[in-house]
Amino acid sequence: ELSAAGTPASQVVTYRAISTVAGGMLALLAYAIWPTWEQRTTGAPLADMTDACRAYFHAVVEHFSRSGKDLEVQIDSKRREFRRIRSEAAASVDRASAEPGIRPDKISALQSMMASSLALFASILGLEVGLQEGNVHTTPDVFQKFADDVEFTLYFVAASLRGSVSAVNMVPKVRDDHTRMLESRNAFAPKDQFVLIETDRLTTALNTYREQTMRYLNG
């Protein structure tokens, strides 16, 4: 518009360059005064991801005692929801890792948490796939205790990520639960032995995820 009004093209370029630089400086000044550091808010999407993992696990465990199209739809919905929320958490971790001032050990903890969350998801998916191949008819009490403690652990980890100081001291010992499952393996039918394998993987991934979360929060 300026060039059409008779202003020389060189001046138009100069005006635009000055405006661009001025706008950039104002943006930097505003960010310096009111910084919106991603690393200050990453705990929230990580907590949401943990809750989504708990909801997916709960739906899969429910399939151990009952079946039906509605439950299959629910499991599929919870699985998709976890994947979506995990993608959002991963994006938040990427943004936080790129910010100035964040320590390398914090970045390492965040990236390790994302890797462990994927391993945790894979073990729950393994349980789901095993159930699709044939309903499990043996659900001994030791398995239900294990499942309850997995959910409690995920709940307390999410609470810790949201700022609860006491939650870390309330985490149950899931590995002890799994040991009791192994000691009661005769309560599982031969075709249900995959449960012991997948829950072993789940226990390792969950404990690792919890430890990495504590390292991130206490670092």
Protein backbone atom coordinates (compact mmCIF):
# COMPACT_ATOMS: atom_id res chain seq x y z
CA GLU A 1 0.00 0.00 0.00
CA LEU A 2 2.84 2.37 0.82
CA SER A 3 4.58 1.69 -2.49
CA ALA A 4 1.30 2.22 -4.34
CA ALA A 5 0.97 5.60 -2.62
CA GLY A 6 4.32 6.67 -3.97
CA THR A 7 6.66 5.66 -1.15
CA PRO A 8 9.94 4.25 -2.54
CA ALA A 9 10.24 0.46 -2.29
CA SER A 10 13.48 0.73 -0.30
CA GLN A 11 11.70 2.74 2.38
CA VAL A 12 8.85 0.21 2.48
CA VAL A 13 11.36 -2.59 3.14
CA THR A 14 13.04 -0.50 5.83
CA TYR A 15 9.74 0.30 7.57
CA ARG A 16 8.75 -3.35 7.55
CA ALA A 17 12.12 -4.44 8.91
CA ILE A 18 11.91 -1.87 11.72
CA SER A 19 8.36 -2.99 12.58
CA THR A 20 9.41 -6.64 12.63
CA VAL A 21 12.38 -5.99 14.91
CA ALA A 22 10.32 -3.78 17.20
CA GLY A 23 7.59 -6.40 17.44
CA GLY A 24 10.14 -9.10 18.21
CA MET A 25 11.77 -6.99 20.93
CA LEU A 26 8.39 -6.28 22.54
CA ALA A 27 7.59 -10.00 22.50
CA LEU A 28 10.93 -10.84 24.13
CA LEU A 29 10.43 -8.10 26.71
CA ALA A 30 6.96 -9.40 27.57
CA TYR A 31 8.32 -12.95 27.86
CA ALA A 32 11.13 -11.75 30.14
CA ILE A 33 8.64 -9.97 32.41
CA TRP A 34 5.95 -12.68 32.34
CA PRO A 35 7.68 -15.92 31.32
CA THR A 36 5.46 -18.91 30.61
CA TRP A 37 7.98 -21.64 31.30
CA GLU A 38 6.70 -25.03 30.14
CA GLN A 39 8.84 -26.79 32.73
CA ARG A 40 6.72 -25.21 35.47
CA THR A 41 3.54 -26.84 34.16
CA THR A 42 4.76 -30.18 32.78
CA GLY A 43 3.61 -32.02 35.90
CA ALA A 44 -0.05 -31.52 34.98
CA PRO A 45 0.00 -33.28 31.57
CA LEU A 46 2.17 -36.03 33.05
CA ALA A 47 -0.39 -36.51 35.83
CA ASP A 48 -3.18 -36.61 33.23
CA MET A 49 -1.23 -39.27 31.32
CA THR A 50 -0.83 -41.31 34.52
CA ASP A 51 -4.55 -41.10 35.23
CA ALA A 52 -5.34 -42.15 31.65
CA CYS A 53 -3.07 -45.16 32.06
CA ARG A 54 -4.89 -46.10 35.26
CA ALA A 55 -8.27 -45.84 33.52
CA TYR A 56 -7.09 -48.05 30.65
CA PHE A 57 -5.68 -50.65 33.06
CA HIS A 58 -8.91 -50.64 35.08
CA ALA A 59 -10.99 -51.31 31.95
CA VAL A 60 -8.74 -54.21 30.92
CA VAL A 61 -8.85 -55.77 34.40
CA GLU A 62 -12.64 -55.49 34.38
CA HIS A 63 -12.61 -57.70 31.28
CA PHE A 64 -11.17 -60.50 33.44
CA SER A 65 -14.50 -60.96 35.19
CA ARG A 66 -17.01 -60.03 32.52
CA SER A 67 -17.31 -59.58 28.78
CA GLY A 68 -19.59 -57.77 26.37
CA LYS A 69 -19.56 -55.38 23.47
CA ASP A 70 -19.97 -52.35 25.74
CA LEU A 71 -16.83 -53.28 27.69
CA GLU A 72 -14.85 -53.79 24.47
CA VAL A 73 -15.91 -50.33 23.33
CA GLN A 74 -14.88 -48.90 26.70
CA ILE A 75 -11.45 -50.54 26.54
CA ASP A 76 -10.91 -49.24 23.02
CA SER A 77 -11.94 -45.76 24.14
CA LYS A 78 -9.60 -45.79 27.15
CA ARG A 79 -6.71 -47.05 25.02
CA ARG A 80 -7.21 -44.28 22.48
CA GLU A 81 -7.56 -41.72 25.24
CA PHE A 82 -4.26 -42.77 26.80
CA ARG A 83 -2.48 -42.48 23.47
CA ARG A 84 -3.90 -39.00 22.88
CA ILE A 85 -3.02 -37.72 26.34
CA ARG A 86 0.42 -39.31 26.17
CA SER A 87 1.07 -37.43 22.91
CA GLU A 88 0.15 -34.18 24.65
CA ALA A 89 2.46 -35.01 27.56
CA ALA A 90 5.29 -35.84 25.15
CA ALA A 91 4.82 -32.47 23.43
CA SER A 92 4.98 -30.71 26.81
CA VAL A 93 8.17 -32.60 27.70
CA ASP A 94 9.72 -31.63 24.35
CA ARG A 95 8.91 -27.96 24.92
CA ALA A 96 10.24 -28.03 28.48
CA SER A 97 13.44 -29.78 27.36
CA ALA A 98 14.10 -27.03 24.82
CA GLU A 99 13.79 -24.19 27.33
CA PRO A 100 16.87 -22.39 28.65
CA GLY A 101 17.86 -23.11 32.22
CA ILE A 102 16.43 -26.61 32.57
CA ARG A 103 19.02 -28.98 34.03
CA PRO A 104 20.20 -32.04 32.06
CA ASP A 105 19.15 -34.38 34.88
CA LYS A 106 15.60 -33.00 34.70
CA ILE A 107 15.50 -33.57 30.95
CA SER A 108 16.83 -37.10 31.43
CA ALA A 109 14.17 -37.85 34.05
CA LEU A 110 11.36 -36.52 31.86
CA GLN A 111 12.50 -38.49 28.83
CA SER A 112 12.90 -41.63 30.94
CA MET A 113 9.37 -41.19 32.28
CA MET A 114 7.99 -41.05 28.76
CA ALA A 115 9.88 -44.20 27.79
CA SER A 116 8.62 -46.05 30.88
CA SER A 117 5.05 -44.91 30.23
CA LEU A 118 5.30 -46.57 26.82
CA ALA A 119 6.59 -49.80 28.38
CA LEU A 120 3.74 -49.64 30.89
CA PHE A 121 1.23 -49.22 28.08
CA ALA A 122 2.75 -52.15 26.16
CA SER A 123 2.34 -54.48 29.15
CA ILE A 124 -1.31 -53.49 29.62
CA LEU A 125 -1.86 -53.96 25.91
CA GLY A 126 -0.35 -57.43 26.27
CA LEU A 127 -2.99 -58.27 28.87
CA GLU A 128 -5.69 -56.96 26.58
CA VAL A 129 -4.48 -59.01 23.62
CA GLY A 130 -4.29 -62.14 25.79
CA LEU A 131 -7.88 -61.62 26.85
CA GLN A 132 -9.00 -61.23 23.24
CA GLU A 133 -7.60 -64.67 22.45
CA GLY A 134 -9.77 -66.26 25.16
CA ASN A 135 -11.47 -65.11 28.35
CA VAL A 136 -9.56 -65.74 31.55
CA HIS A 137 -11.70 -67.80 33.90
CA THR A 138 -9.37 -67.89 36.89
CA THR A 139 -8.99 -64.61 38.75
CA PRO A 140 -7.59 -65.52 42.18
CA ASP A 141 -7.59 -63.04 45.02
CA VAL A 142 -3.85 -62.45 44.64
CA PHE A 143 -4.45 -61.08 41.14
CA GLN A 144 -7.14 -58.69 42.33
CA LYS A 145 -4.82 -57.46 45.09
CA PHE A 146 -2.13 -56.89 42.48
CA ALA A 147 -4.55 -55.00 40.21
CA ASP A 148 -5.78 -52.81 43.08
CA ASP A 149 -2.23 -51.91 44.08
CA VAL A 150 -1.29 -51.05 40.50
CA GLU A 151 -4.19 -48.60 40.41
CA PHE A 152 -3.26 -47.19 43.82
CA THR A 153 0.33 -46.67 42.66
CA LEU A 154 -0.74 -44.84 39.51
CA TYR A 155 -3.13 -42.73 41.56
CA PHE A 156 -0.43 -41.71 44.05
CA VAL A 157 2.11 -41.00 41.28
CA ALA A 158 -0.42 -38.69 39.61
CA ALA A 159 -1.08 -37.00 42.95
CA SER A 160 2.66 -36.45 43.41
CA LEU A 161 2.91 -34.86 39.98
CA ARG A 162 0.12 -32.50 40.99
CA GLY A 163 2.02 -31.43 44.09
CA SER A 164 0.99 -33.83 46.86
CA VAL A 165 3.96 -34.26 49.19
CA SER A 166 2.57 -37.18 51.20
CA ALA A 167 1.51 -39.30 48.20
CA VAL A 168 4.99 -40.72 47.68
CA ASN A 169 4.88 -42.38 51.12
CA MET A 170 1.64 -44.23 50.37
CA VAL A 171 2.72 -46.30 47.36
CA PRO A 172 2.08 -50.05 47.81
CA LYS A 173 4.70 -52.70 47.03
CA VAL A 174 3.54 -54.08 43.71
CA ARG A 175 6.54 -56.38 43.32
CA ASP A 176 5.55 -58.19 46.52
CA ASP A 177 2.07 -58.62 45.07
CA HIS A 178 3.51 -60.14 41.92
CA THR A 179 5.69 -62.50 43.94
CA ARG A 180 2.58 -63.77 45.68
CA MET A 181 0.98 -64.28 42.27
CA LEU A 182 3.93 -66.41 41.20
CA GLU A 183 3.66 -68.44 44.38
CA SER A 184 -0.01 -69.03 43.52
CA ARG A 185 0.56 -69.85 39.85
CA ASN A 186 -1.41 -73.10 40.28
CA ALA A 187 -4.52 -70.96 40.70
CA PHE A 188 -4.15 -69.91 37.07
CA ALA A 189 -5.23 -72.23 34.27
CA PRO A 190 -2.40 -73.23 31.86
CA LYS A 191 -3.80 -70.97 29.13
CA ASP A 192 -3.79 -68.07 31.57
CA GLN A 193 -0.07 -68.18 32.32
CA PHE A 194 0.42 -65.16 30.02
CA VAL A 195 -1.04 -63.10 32.87
CA LEU A 196 2.02 -63.81 35.01
CA ILE A 197 4.34 -62.80 32.18
CA GLU A 198 2.59 -59.54 31.31
CA THR A 199 2.12 -58.52 34.94
CA ASP A 200 5.83 -59.07 35.51
CA ARG A 201 6.57 -56.65 32.68
CA LEU A 202 3.96 -54.27 34.06
CA THR A 203 5.49 -54.38 37.55
CA THR A 204 8.94 -53.55 36.23
CA ALA A 205 7.65 -50.69 34.07
CA LEU A 206 5.47 -49.28 36.86
CA ASN A 207 8.20 -49.32 39.49
CA THR A 208 10.63 -47.72 37.05
CA TYR A 209 8.08 -45.05 36.14
CA ARG A 210 7.47 -44.30 39.82
CA GLU A 211 11.19 -44.06 40.60
CA GLN A 212 11.80 -41.76 37.63
CA THR A 213 8.88 -39.56 38.69
CA MET A 214 10.36 -39.19 42.15
CA ARG A 215 13.76 -38.39 40.62
CA TYR A 216 12.14 -35.71 38.47
CA LEU A 217 10.20 -34.18 41.36
CA ASN A 218 13.05 -34.30 43.87
CA GLY A 219 15.83 -33.30 41.49
